[in-house]
Amino acid sequence: MGQYVLTAFHASGEKLLDERIEAGNVAEAKAAGEALLKEKKLENTAHRLVNEAGKLILFHR
């Protein structure tokens, strides 16, 4: 299991979401991140999902 961090931001730079996600692989992490963003109605805000090493998995500006 890998650790991923999903962060969503307001246009002002304020953090709206900062959640850790555990997933078996990148595809599972991306799907879980997208589902969480949709659930919290943040899919159209700036957001990023990174793995433990800081590699960008998902990004929206």
Protein backbone atom coordinates (compact mmCIF):
# COMPACT_ATOMS: atom_id res chain seq x y z
CA MET A 1 0.00 0.00 0.00
CA GLY A 2 1.25 3.45 -0.89
CA GLN A 3 0.55 6.79 0.72
CA TYR A 4 -0.73 9.69 -1.37
CA VAL A 5 -1.69 13.24 -0.42
CA LEU A 6 -4.60 15.07 -2.05
CA THR A 7 -4.70 18.85 -1.62
CA ALA A 8 -7.30 21.29 -2.98
CA PHE A 9 -6.89 25.06 -2.95
CA HIS A 10 -9.08 28.15 -3.22
CA ALA A 11 -7.95 30.76 -5.78
CA SER A 12 -6.60 32.82 -2.86
CA GLY A 13 -4.23 29.98 -1.95
CA GLU A 14 -6.20 28.82 1.10
CA LYS A 15 -6.19 25.03 1.56
CA LEU A 16 -9.68 23.60 1.23
CA LEU A 17 -8.68 19.95 1.52
CA ASP A 18 -5.56 18.13 2.72
CA GLU A 19 -6.21 14.38 2.89
CA ARG A 20 -4.01 11.30 2.98
CA ILE A 21 -5.08 8.40 0.79
CA GLU A 22 -3.81 4.82 0.99
CA ALA A 23 -3.95 2.89 -2.26
CA GLY A 24 -2.39 -0.18 -3.83
CA ASN A 25 -1.25 1.61 -6.96
CA VAL A 26 -1.36 4.91 -8.83
CA ALA A 27 -4.62 4.11 -10.67
CA GLU A 28 -6.42 3.31 -7.40
CA ALA A 29 -5.06 6.48 -5.78
CA LYS A 30 -6.17 8.61 -8.73
CA ALA A 31 -9.68 7.08 -8.67
CA ALA A 32 -9.96 7.55 -4.89
CA GLY A 33 -8.77 11.15 -5.18
CA GLU A 34 -11.22 11.98 -7.95
CA ALA A 35 -14.07 10.39 -5.96
CA LEU A 36 -13.17 12.40 -2.84
CA LEU A 37 -13.01 15.64 -4.82
CA LYS A 38 -16.41 14.91 -6.37
CA GLU A 39 -17.92 14.00 -2.98
CA LYS A 40 -16.73 17.30 -1.48
CA LYS A 41 -17.68 19.24 -4.65
CA LEU A 42 -14.10 20.37 -5.20
CA GLU A 43 -13.46 18.78 -8.60
CA ASN A 44 -13.39 22.21 -10.30
CA THR A 45 -10.98 23.81 -7.83
CA ALA A 46 -7.19 23.77 -8.09
CA HIS A 47 -5.97 20.44 -6.73
CA ARG A 48 -3.08 18.00 -6.79
CA LEU A 49 -2.42 14.42 -5.80
CA VAL A 50 1.16 13.38 -5.05
CA ASN A 51 2.80 10.14 -3.97
CA GLU A 52 5.24 9.66 -1.07
CA ALA A 53 8.17 10.73 -3.23
CA GLY A 54 6.38 13.93 -4.29
CA LYS A 55 5.62 12.74 -7.83
CA LEU A 56 2.57 14.47 -9.26
CA ILE A 57 -0.23 11.98 -10.00
CA LEU A 58 -3.20 14.28 -10.60
CA PHE A 59 -3.28 18.05 -11.18
CA HIS A 60 -5.95 20.61 -12.01
CA ARG A 61 -5.48 24.37 -12.08
